[in-house]
All heavy atoms as atom14 arrays in JSON, in Angstrom:
{
  "sequence": "GVGIHACVGQNLAKLEAHALLTALLARVCRFEIGKPAFIVNNTLH",
  "atom14_mask": [
    [1, 1, 1, 1, 0, 0, 0, 0, 0, 0, 0, 0, 0, 0],
    [1, 1, 1, 1, 1, 1, 1, 0, 0, 0, 0, 0, 0, 0],
    [1, 1, 1, 1, 0, 0, 0, 0, 0, 0, 0, 0, 0, 0],
    [1, 1, 1, 1, 1, 1, 1, 1, 0, 0, 0, 0, 0, 0],
    [1, 1, 1, 1, 1, 1, 1, 1, 1, 1, 0, 0, 0, 0],
    [1, 1, 1, 1, 1, 0, 0, 0, 0, 0, 0, 0, 0, 0],
    [1, 1, 1, 1, 1, 1, 0, 0, 0, 0, 0, 0, 0, 0],
    [1, 1, 1, 1, 1, 1, 1, 0, 0, 0, 0, 0, 0, 0],
    [1, 1, 1, 1, 0, 0, 0, 0, 0, 0, 0, 0, 0, 0],
    [1, 1, 1, 1, 1, 1, 1, 1, 1, 0, 0, 0, 0, 0],
    [1, 1, 1, 1, 1, 1, 1, 1, 0, 0, 0, 0, 0, 0],
    [1, 1, 1, 1, 1, 1, 1, 1, 0, 0, 0, 0, 0, 0],
    [1, 1, 1, 1, 1, 0, 0, 0, 0, 0, 0, 0, 0, 0],
    [1, 1, 1, 1, 1, 1, 1, 1, 1, 0, 0, 0, 0, 0],
    [1, 1, 1, 1, 1, 1, 1, 1, 0, 0, 0, 0, 0, 0],
    [1, 1, 1, 1, 1, 1, 1, 1, 1, 0, 0, 0, 0, 0],
    [1, 1, 1, 1, 1, 0, 0, 0, 0, 0, 0, 0, 0, 0],
    [1, 1, 1, 1, 1, 1, 1, 1, 1, 1, 0, 0, 0, 0],
    [1, 1, 1, 1, 1, 0, 0, 0, 0, 0, 0, 0, 0, 0],
    [1, 1, 1, 1, 1, 1, 1, 1, 0, 0, 0, 0, 0, 0],
    [1, 1, 1, 1, 1, 1, 1, 1, 0, 0, 0, 0, 0, 0],
    [1, 1, 1, 1, 1, 1, 1, 0, 0, 0, 0, 0, 0, 0],
    [1, 1, 1, 1, 1, 0, 0, 0, 0, 0, 0, 0, 0, 0],
    [1, 1, 1, 1, 1, 1, 1, 1, 0, 0, 0, 0, 0, 0],
    [1, 1, 1, 1, 1, 1, 1, 1, 0, 0, 0, 0, 0, 0],
    [1, 1, 1, 1, 1, 0, 0, 0, 0, 0, 0, 0, 0, 0],
    [1, 1, 1, 1, 1, 1, 1, 1, 1, 1, 1, 0, 0, 0],
    [1, 1, 1, 1, 1, 1, 1, 0, 0, 0, 0, 0, 0, 0],
    [1, 1, 1, 1, 1, 1, 0, 0, 0, 0, 0, 0, 0, 0],
    [1, 1, 1, 1, 1, 1, 1, 1, 1, 1, 1, 0, 0, 0],
    [1, 1, 1, 1, 1, 1, 1, 1, 1, 1, 1, 0, 0, 0],
    [1, 1, 1, 1, 1, 1, 1, 1, 1, 0, 0, 0, 0, 0],
    [1, 1, 1, 1, 1, 1, 1, 1, 0, 0, 0, 0, 0, 0],
    [1, 1, 1, 1, 0, 0, 0, 0, 0, 0, 0, 0, 0, 0],
    [1, 1, 1, 1, 1, 1, 1, 1, 1, 0, 0, 0, 0, 0],
    [1, 1, 1, 1, 1, 1, 1, 0, 0, 0, 0, 0, 0, 0],
    [1, 1, 1, 1, 1, 0, 0, 0, 0, 0, 0, 0, 0, 0],
    [1, 1, 1, 1, 1, 1, 1, 1, 1, 1, 1, 0, 0, 0],
    [1, 1, 1, 1, 1, 1, 1, 1, 0, 0, 0, 0, 0, 0],
    [1, 1, 1, 1, 1, 1, 1, 0, 0, 0, 0, 0, 0, 0],
    [1, 1, 1, 1, 1, 1, 1, 1, 0, 0, 0, 0, 0, 0],
    [1, 1, 1, 1, 1, 1, 1, 1, 0, 0, 0, 0, 0, 0],
    [1, 1, 1, 1, 1, 1, 1, 0, 0, 0, 0, 0, 0, 0],
    [1, 1, 1, 1, 1, 1, 1, 1, 0, 0, 0, 0, 0, 0],
    [1, 1, 1, 1, 1, 1, 1, 1, 1, 1, 0, 0, 0, 0]
  ],
  "atom14_positions": [
    [[102.15, 82.9, 99.52], [101.1, 82.62, 98.55], [99.77, 82.34, 99.22], [99.64, 82.41, 100.43], [0.0, 0.0, 0.0], [0.0, 0.0, 0.0], [0.0, 0.0, 0.0], [0.0, 0.0, 0.0], [0.0, 0.0, 0.0], [0.0, 0.0, 0.0], [0.0, 0.0, 0.0], [0.0, 0.0, 0.0], [0.0, 0.0, 0.0], [0.0, 0.0, 0.0]],
    [[98.78, 82.07, 98.37], [97.41, 81.79, 98.87], [96.78, 80.71, 98.01], [97.25, 80.4, 96.94], [96.52, 83.05, 98.85], [97.02, 84.1, 99.8], [96.42, 83.63, 97.46], [0.0, 0.0, 0.0], [0.0, 0.0, 0.0], [0.0, 0.0, 0.0], [0.0, 0.0, 0.0], [0.0, 0.0, 0.0], [0.0, 0.0, 0.0], [0.0, 0.0, 0.0]],
    [[95.73, 80.12, 98.54], [94.95, 79.13, 97.8], [95.8, 77.91, 97.48], [96.6, 77.44, 98.26], [0.0, 0.0, 0.0], [0.0, 0.0, 0.0], [0.0, 0.0, 0.0], [0.0, 0.0, 0.0], [0.0, 0.0, 0.0], [0.0, 0.0, 0.0], [0.0, 0.0, 0.0], [0.0, 0.0, 0.0], [0.0, 0.0, 0.0], [0.0, 0.0, 0.0]],
    [[95.62, 77.41, 96.25], [96.3, 76.18, 95.81], [97.83, 76.39, 95.71], [98.59, 75.43, 95.79], [95.72, 75.68, 94.48], [96.17, 74.28, 94.21], [96.09, 76.62, 93.36], [95.41, 73.57, 93.12], [0.0, 0.0, 0.0], [0.0, 0.0, 0.0], [0.0, 0.0, 0.0], [0.0, 0.0, 0.0], [0.0, 0.0, 0.0], [0.0, 0.0, 0.0]],
    [[98.27, 77.65, 95.61], [99.68, 77.95, 95.48], [100.33, 78.3, 96.82], [101.42, 78.85, 96.85], [99.9, 79.06, 94.48], [99.41, 78.72, 93.13], [100.06, 77.82, 92.3], [98.34, 79.14, 92.42], [99.39, 77.68, 91.17], [98.34, 78.48, 91.22], [0.0, 0.0, 0.0], [0.0, 0.0, 0.0], [0.0, 0.0, 0.0], [0.0, 0.0, 0.0]],
    [[99.65, 78.04, 97.93], [100.17, 78.38, 99.25], [101.38, 77.51, 99.55], [101.44, 76.33, 99.22], [99.12, 78.21, 100.31], [0.0, 0.0, 0.0], [0.0, 0.0, 0.0], [0.0, 0.0, 0.0], [0.0, 0.0, 0.0], [0.0, 0.0, 0.0], [0.0, 0.0, 0.0], [0.0, 0.0, 0.0], [0.0, 0.0, 0.0], [0.0, 0.0, 0.0]],
    [[102.33, 78.1, 100.26], [103.53, 77.37, 100.66], [103.21, 76.33, 101.74], [102.54, 76.62, 102.73], [104.53, 78.38, 101.22], [106.03, 77.63, 101.94], [0.0, 0.0, 0.0], [0.0, 0.0, 0.0], [0.0, 0.0, 0.0], [0.0, 0.0, 0.0], [0.0, 0.0, 0.0], [0.0, 0.0, 0.0], [0.0, 0.0, 0.0], [0.0, 0.0, 0.0]],
    [[103.66, 75.12, 101.52], [103.39, 74.04, 102.45], [104.03, 74.29, 103.81], [103.5, 73.95, 104.86], [103.9, 72.7, 101.86], [103.72, 71.55, 102.86], [103.17, 72.37, 100.57], [0.0, 0.0, 0.0], [0.0, 0.0, 0.0], [0.0, 0.0, 0.0], [0.0, 0.0, 0.0], [0.0, 0.0, 0.0], [0.0, 0.0, 0.0], [0.0, 0.0, 0.0]],
    [[105.19, 74.95, 103.83], [105.91, 75.17, 105.07], [105.58, 76.46, 105.78], [106.26, 76.84, 106.74], [0.0, 0.0, 0.0], [0.0, 0.0, 0.0], [0.0, 0.0, 0.0], [0.0, 0.0, 0.0], [0.0, 0.0, 0.0], [0.0, 0.0, 0.0], [0.0, 0.0, 0.0], [0.0, 0.0, 0.0], [0.0, 0.0, 0.0], [0.0, 0.0, 0.0]],
    [[104.55, 77.18, 105.33], [104.27, 78.48, 105.91], [103.93, 78.43, 107.4], [104.33, 79.32, 108.17], [103.19, 79.24, 105.14], [101.8, 78.71, 105.29], [100.79, 79.57, 104.54], [100.68, 80.76, 104.84], [100.11, 78.99, 103.59], [0.0, 0.0, 0.0], [0.0, 0.0, 0.0], [0.0, 0.0, 0.0], [0.0, 0.0, 0.0], [0.0, 0.0, 0.0]],
    [[103.24, 77.41, 107.85], [102.9, 77.31, 109.28], [104.15, 77.09, 110.13], [104.27, 77.68, 111.22], [101.87, 76.21, 109.53], [100.52, 76.57, 108.96], [100.14, 77.73, 108.98], [99.81, 75.59, 108.44], [0.0, 0.0, 0.0], [0.0, 0.0, 0.0], [0.0, 0.0, 0.0], [0.0, 0.0, 0.0], [0.0, 0.0, 0.0], [0.0, 0.0, 0.0]],
    [[105.09, 76.3, 109.64], [106.34, 76.1, 110.35], [107.15, 77.4, 110.4], [107.69, 77.77, 111.44], [107.17, 75.0, 109.71], [108.54, 74.73, 110.32], [108.41, 74.34, 111.79], [109.28, 73.65, 109.54], [0.0, 0.0, 0.0], [0.0, 0.0, 0.0], [0.0, 0.0, 0.0], [0.0, 0.0, 0.0], [0.0, 0.0, 0.0], [0.0, 0.0, 0.0]],
    [[107.21, 78.11, 109.27], [107.95, 79.38, 109.23], [107.34, 80.4, 110.18], [108.06, 81.15, 110.87], [107.98, 79.92, 107.8], [0.0, 0.0, 0.0], [0.0, 0.0, 0.0], [0.0, 0.0, 0.0], [0.0, 0.0, 0.0], [0.0, 0.0, 0.0], [0.0, 0.0, 0.0], [0.0, 0.0, 0.0], [0.0, 0.0, 0.0], [0.0, 0.0, 0.0]],
    [[106.01, 80.49, 110.22], [105.36, 81.41, 111.12], [105.59, 81.03, 112.59], [105.8, 81.9, 113.45], [103.86, 81.45, 110.85], [103.53, 82.15, 109.52], [102.03, 82.07, 109.22], [101.71, 82.7, 107.9], [100.27, 82.65, 107.59], [0.0, 0.0, 0.0], [0.0, 0.0, 0.0], [0.0, 0.0, 0.0], [0.0, 0.0, 0.0], [0.0, 0.0, 0.0]],
    [[105.59, 79.75, 112.89], [105.86, 79.26, 114.26], [107.3, 79.59, 114.66], [107.55, 80.04, 115.8], [105.63, 77.76, 114.33], [105.83, 77.1, 115.68], [104.84, 77.66, 116.7], [105.66, 75.59, 115.56], [0.0, 0.0, 0.0], [0.0, 0.0, 0.0], [0.0, 0.0, 0.0], [0.0, 0.0, 0.0], [0.0, 0.0, 0.0], [0.0, 0.0, 0.0]],
    [[108.25, 79.41, 113.75], [109.65, 79.73, 114.03], [109.81, 81.25, 114.26], [110.55, 81.63, 115.19], [110.55, 79.28, 112.87], [110.68, 77.78, 112.78], [111.47, 77.36, 111.56], [111.5, 78.12, 110.55], [112.03, 76.25, 111.57], [0.0, 0.0, 0.0], [0.0, 0.0, 0.0], [0.0, 0.0, 0.0], [0.0, 0.0, 0.0], [0.0, 0.0, 0.0]],
    [[109.17, 82.06, 113.46], [109.27, 83.53, 113.63], [108.66, 83.93, 114.96], [109.21, 84.78, 115.68], [108.56, 84.22, 112.49], [0.0, 0.0, 0.0], [0.0, 0.0, 0.0], [0.0, 0.0, 0.0], [0.0, 0.0, 0.0], [0.0, 0.0, 0.0], [0.0, 0.0, 0.0], [0.0, 0.0, 0.0], [0.0, 0.0, 0.0], [0.0, 0.0, 0.0]],
    [[107.55, 83.33, 115.31], [106.89, 83.64, 116.61], [107.81, 83.24, 117.79], [107.96, 84.0, 118.74], [105.55, 82.89, 116.71], [104.79, 83.21, 117.94], [104.95, 82.5, 119.11], [103.88, 84.17, 118.2], [104.16, 83.0, 120.04], [103.49, 84.02, 119.5], [0.0, 0.0, 0.0], [0.0, 0.0, 0.0], [0.0, 0.0, 0.0], [0.0, 0.0, 0.0]],
    [[108.43, 82.07, 117.71], [109.34, 81.61, 118.77], [110.56, 82.54, 118.88], [110.96, 82.9, 119.99], [109.79, 80.18, 118.5], [0.0, 0.0, 0.0], [0.0, 0.0, 0.0], [0.0, 0.0, 0.0], [0.0, 0.0, 0.0], [0.0, 0.0, 0.0], [0.0, 0.0, 0.0], [0.0, 0.0, 0.0], [0.0, 0.0, 0.0], [0.0, 0.0, 0.0]],
    [[111.1, 82.96, 117.75], [112.25, 83.88, 117.76], [111.88, 85.21, 118.38], [112.61, 85.71, 119.27], [112.77, 84.09, 116.33], [113.83, 85.16, 116.18], [115.12, 84.72, 116.84], [114.05, 85.5, 114.73], [0.0, 0.0, 0.0], [0.0, 0.0, 0.0], [0.0, 0.0, 0.0], [0.0, 0.0, 0.0], [0.0, 0.0, 0.0], [0.0, 0.0, 0.0]],
    [[110.77, 85.8, 117.96], [110.38, 87.1, 118.47], [110.01, 87.02, 119.96], [110.3, 87.95, 120.73], [109.23, 87.68, 117.66], [109.61, 88.04, 116.22], [108.39, 88.44, 115.43], [110.67, 89.13, 116.2], [0.0, 0.0, 0.0], [0.0, 0.0, 0.0], [0.0, 0.0, 0.0], [0.0, 0.0, 0.0], [0.0, 0.0, 0.0], [0.0, 0.0, 0.0]],
    [[109.41, 85.94, 120.39], [109.07, 85.77, 121.81], [110.35, 85.67, 122.65], [110.44, 86.26, 123.72], [108.21, 84.5, 122.01], [107.03, 84.64, 121.24], [107.85, 84.29, 123.46], [0.0, 0.0, 0.0], [0.0, 0.0, 0.0], [0.0, 0.0, 0.0], [0.0, 0.0, 0.0], [0.0, 0.0, 0.0], [0.0, 0.0, 0.0], [0.0, 0.0, 0.0]],
    [[111.36, 84.93, 122.17], [112.63, 84.83, 122.9], [113.35, 86.19, 122.95], [113.92, 86.55, 123.96], [113.51, 83.78, 122.23], [0.0, 0.0, 0.0], [0.0, 0.0, 0.0], [0.0, 0.0, 0.0], [0.0, 0.0, 0.0], [0.0, 0.0, 0.0], [0.0, 0.0, 0.0], [0.0, 0.0, 0.0], [0.0, 0.0, 0.0], [0.0, 0.0, 0.0]],
    [[113.31, 86.92, 121.84], [113.95, 88.24, 121.82], [113.26, 89.23, 122.76], [113.91, 90.07, 123.37], [113.94, 88.81, 120.39], [115.02, 88.27, 119.45], [114.8, 88.81, 118.05], [116.42, 88.61, 119.96], [0.0, 0.0, 0.0], [0.0, 0.0, 0.0], [0.0, 0.0, 0.0], [0.0, 0.0, 0.0], [0.0, 0.0, 0.0], [0.0, 0.0, 0.0]],
    [[111.96, 89.11, 122.87], [111.17, 90.03, 123.69], [111.66, 90.02, 125.15], [111.67, 91.06, 125.8], [109.7, 89.63, 123.65], [108.69, 90.6, 124.17], [108.75, 91.93, 123.41], [107.29, 90.02, 124.06], [0.0, 0.0, 0.0], [0.0, 0.0, 0.0], [0.0, 0.0, 0.0], [0.0, 0.0, 0.0], [0.0, 0.0, 0.0], [0.0, 0.0, 0.0]],
    [[112.1, 88.88, 125.63], [112.59, 88.77, 127.02], [113.97, 89.39, 127.19], [114.38, 89.69, 128.31], [112.63, 87.3, 127.42], [0.0, 0.0, 0.0], [0.0, 0.0, 0.0], [0.0, 0.0, 0.0], [0.0, 0.0, 0.0], [0.0, 0.0, 0.0], [0.0, 0.0, 0.0], [0.0, 0.0, 0.0], [0.0, 0.0, 0.0], [0.0, 0.0, 0.0]],
    [[114.7, 89.6, 126.1], [116.09, 90.06, 126.18], [116.35, 91.44, 125.59], [117.41, 92.02, 125.78], [117.0, 89.07, 125.45], [117.02, 87.69, 126.09], [117.73, 86.7, 125.21], [117.85, 85.39, 125.82], [116.89, 84.47, 125.81], [115.72, 84.74, 125.27], [117.07, 83.3, 126.39], [0.0, 0.0, 0.0], [0.0, 0.0, 0.0], [0.0, 0.0, 0.0]],
    [[115.4, 91.97, 124.87], [115.59, 93.23, 124.14], [114.72, 94.33, 124.74], [113.54, 94.1, 125.03], [115.23, 93.03, 122.65], [115.22, 94.33, 121.91], [116.2, 92.04, 122.01], [0.0, 0.0, 0.0], [0.0, 0.0, 0.0], [0.0, 0.0, 0.0], [0.0, 0.0, 0.0], [0.0, 0.0, 0.0], [0.0, 0.0, 0.0], [0.0, 0.0, 0.0]],
    [[115.3, 95.52, 124.91], [114.56, 96.65, 125.41], [113.66, 97.22, 124.33], [112.48, 97.46, 124.55], [115.55, 97.71, 125.9], [114.77, 99.2, 126.53], [0.0, 0.0, 0.0], [0.0, 0.0, 0.0], [0.0, 0.0, 0.0], [0.0, 0.0, 0.0], [0.0, 0.0, 0.0], [0.0, 0.0, 0.0], [0.0, 0.0, 0.0], [0.0, 0.0, 0.0]],
    [[114.22, 97.44, 123.12], [113.41, 97.95, 122.02], [114.1, 97.72, 120.68], [115.31, 97.49, 120.62], [113.11, 99.44, 122.22], [114.3, 100.36, 122.06], [113.89, 101.81, 122.26], [115.02, 102.68, 122.08], [115.88, 103.0, 123.04], [115.74, 102.51, 124.25], [116.89, 103.82, 122.8], [0.0, 0.0, 0.0], [0.0, 0.0, 0.0], [0.0, 0.0, 0.0]],
    [[113.31, 97.81, 119.62], [113.82, 97.75, 118.25], [113.67, 99.16, 117.69], [112.62, 99.78, 117.78], [112.99, 96.81, 117.39], [113.14, 95.36, 117.77], [112.27, 94.78, 118.66], [114.15, 94.59, 117.25], [112.39, 93.46, 119.04], [114.28, 93.27, 117.59], [113.4, 92.69, 118.49], [0.0, 0.0, 0.0], [0.0, 0.0, 0.0], [0.0, 0.0, 0.0]],
    [[114.73, 99.68, 117.08], [114.67, 100.97, 116.4], [114.71, 100.69, 114.9], [115.71, 100.19, 114.38], [115.83, 101.85, 116.83], [115.76, 102.24, 118.3], [116.94, 103.03, 118.78], [117.93, 103.21, 118.01], [116.93, 103.48, 119.93], [0.0, 0.0, 0.0], [0.0, 0.0, 0.0], [0.0, 0.0, 0.0], [0.0, 0.0, 0.0], [0.0, 0.0, 0.0]],
    [[113.64, 101.03, 114.24], [113.51, 100.77, 112.8], [113.9, 102.0, 112.02], [113.41, 103.11, 112.29], [112.05, 100.34, 112.45], [111.61, 99.16, 113.32], [111.93, 100.03, 110.96], [112.4, 97.89, 113.14], [0.0, 0.0, 0.0], [0.0, 0.0, 0.0], [0.0, 0.0, 0.0], [0.0, 0.0, 0.0], [0.0, 0.0, 0.0], [0.0, 0.0, 0.0]],
    [[114.77, 101.8, 111.02], [115.21, 102.91, 110.17], [114.28, 103.11, 108.98], [113.19, 102.55, 108.9], [0.0, 0.0, 0.0], [0.0, 0.0, 0.0], [0.0, 0.0, 0.0], [0.0, 0.0, 0.0], [0.0, 0.0, 0.0], [0.0, 0.0, 0.0], [0.0, 0.0, 0.0], [0.0, 0.0, 0.0], [0.0, 0.0, 0.0], [0.0, 0.0, 0.0]],
    [[114.74, 103.9, 108.04], [113.97, 104.21, 106.85], [114.01, 103.0, 105.88], [115.08, 102.57, 105.46], [114.52, 105.44, 106.16], [113.71, 105.86, 104.98], [114.26, 107.14, 104.37], [113.39, 107.52, 103.17], [113.93, 108.7, 102.49], [0.0, 0.0, 0.0], [0.0, 0.0, 0.0], [0.0, 0.0, 0.0], [0.0, 0.0, 0.0], [0.0, 0.0, 0.0]],
    [[112.86, 102.48, 105.5], [112.84, 101.33, 104.6], [113.13, 101.73, 103.16], [112.88, 102.85, 102.75], [111.41, 100.8, 104.72], [110.62, 102.0, 105.11], [111.52, 102.87, 105.94], [0.0, 0.0, 0.0], [0.0, 0.0, 0.0], [0.0, 0.0, 0.0], [0.0, 0.0, 0.0], [0.0, 0.0, 0.0], [0.0, 0.0, 0.0], [0.0, 0.0, 0.0]],
    [[113.69, 100.79, 102.41], [113.87, 100.95, 100.96], [112.97, 99.94, 100.3], [113.02, 98.74, 100.6], [115.32, 100.71, 100.58], [0.0, 0.0, 0.0], [0.0, 0.0, 0.0], [0.0, 0.0, 0.0], [0.0, 0.0, 0.0], [0.0, 0.0, 0.0], [0.0, 0.0, 0.0], [0.0, 0.0, 0.0], [0.0, 0.0, 0.0], [0.0, 0.0, 0.0]],
    [[112.12, 100.41, 99.4], [111.13, 99.54, 98.76], [111.63, 98.99, 97.44], [112.43, 99.65, 96.75], [109.81, 100.27, 98.56], [109.1, 100.57, 99.84], [109.29, 101.76, 100.51], [108.26, 99.62, 100.39], [108.65, 102.04, 101.7], [107.61, 99.87, 101.62], [107.82, 101.09, 102.25], [0.0, 0.0, 0.0], [0.0, 0.0, 0.0], [0.0, 0.0, 0.0]],
    [[111.18, 97.8, 97.08], [111.48, 97.18, 95.81], [110.72, 97.94, 94.72], [109.54, 98.22, 94.88], [111.06, 95.71, 95.8], [111.88, 94.91, 96.82], [111.19, 95.1, 94.41], [111.37, 93.52, 97.03], [0.0, 0.0, 0.0], [0.0, 0.0, 0.0], [0.0, 0.0, 0.0], [0.0, 0.0, 0.0], [0.0, 0.0, 0.0], [0.0, 0.0, 0.0]],
    [[111.39, 98.26, 93.64], [110.72, 98.9, 92.5], [110.31, 97.79, 91.55], [111.16, 97.17, 90.91], [111.65, 99.92, 91.82], [110.96, 100.54, 90.62], [112.12, 100.97, 92.8], [0.0, 0.0, 0.0], [0.0, 0.0, 0.0], [0.0, 0.0, 0.0], [0.0, 0.0, 0.0], [0.0, 0.0, 0.0], [0.0, 0.0, 0.0], [0.0, 0.0, 0.0]],
    [[109.01, 97.49, 91.5], [108.52, 96.38, 90.7], [107.05, 96.65, 90.39], [106.33, 97.13, 91.22], [108.68, 95.06, 91.5], [108.46, 93.86, 90.67], [107.41, 93.75, 90.0], [109.37, 92.92, 90.71], [0.0, 0.0, 0.0], [0.0, 0.0, 0.0], [0.0, 0.0, 0.0], [0.0, 0.0, 0.0], [0.0, 0.0, 0.0], [0.0, 0.0, 0.0]],
    [[106.65, 96.3, 89.17], [105.25, 96.53, 88.78], [104.27, 95.51, 89.33], [103.09, 95.75, 89.39], [105.11, 96.55, 87.25], [105.76, 97.79, 86.66], [105.87, 98.8, 87.34], [106.2, 97.71, 85.42], [0.0, 0.0, 0.0], [0.0, 0.0, 0.0], [0.0, 0.0, 0.0], [0.0, 0.0, 0.0], [0.0, 0.0, 0.0], [0.0, 0.0, 0.0]],
    [[104.74, 94.34, 89.74], [103.84, 93.27, 90.17], [103.97, 92.92, 91.66], [103.03, 92.37, 92.23], [104.06, 92.0, 89.35], [105.42, 91.6, 89.48], [103.74, 92.24, 87.9], [0.0, 0.0, 0.0], [0.0, 0.0, 0.0], [0.0, 0.0, 0.0], [0.0, 0.0, 0.0], [0.0, 0.0, 0.0], [0.0, 0.0, 0.0], [0.0, 0.0, 0.0]],
    [[105.09, 93.2, 92.27], [105.3, 92.86, 93.69], [105.56, 94.12, 94.49], [106.11, 95.08, 93.99], [106.51, 91.92, 93.87], [106.41, 90.57, 93.16], [107.73, 89.85, 93.31], [105.31, 89.74, 93.73], [0.0, 0.0, 0.0], [0.0, 0.0, 0.0], [0.0, 0.0, 0.0], [0.0, 0.0, 0.0], [0.0, 0.0, 0.0], [0.0, 0.0, 0.0]],
    [[105.1, 94.11, 95.73], [105.35, 95.23, 96.64], [106.07, 94.66, 97.85], [105.61, 93.72, 98.49], [104.02, 95.86, 97.07], [104.21, 97.01, 97.99], [104.66, 98.25, 97.57], [104.01, 97.14, 99.32], [104.73, 99.07, 98.58], [104.35, 98.42, 99.66], [0.0, 0.0, 0.0], [0.0, 0.0, 0.0], [0.0, 0.0, 0.0], [0.0, 0.0, 0.0]]
  ]
}
């Protein structure tokens, strides 16, 4: 979310994701990404 409706825990979640990806970077050669499937929705992407 953004503005007044922003998630209070977003900074912690972003920090956790950064720590996880940094730790994986030292152990993983590469990530192979497949074909994504998108949500069919008129308001969210």
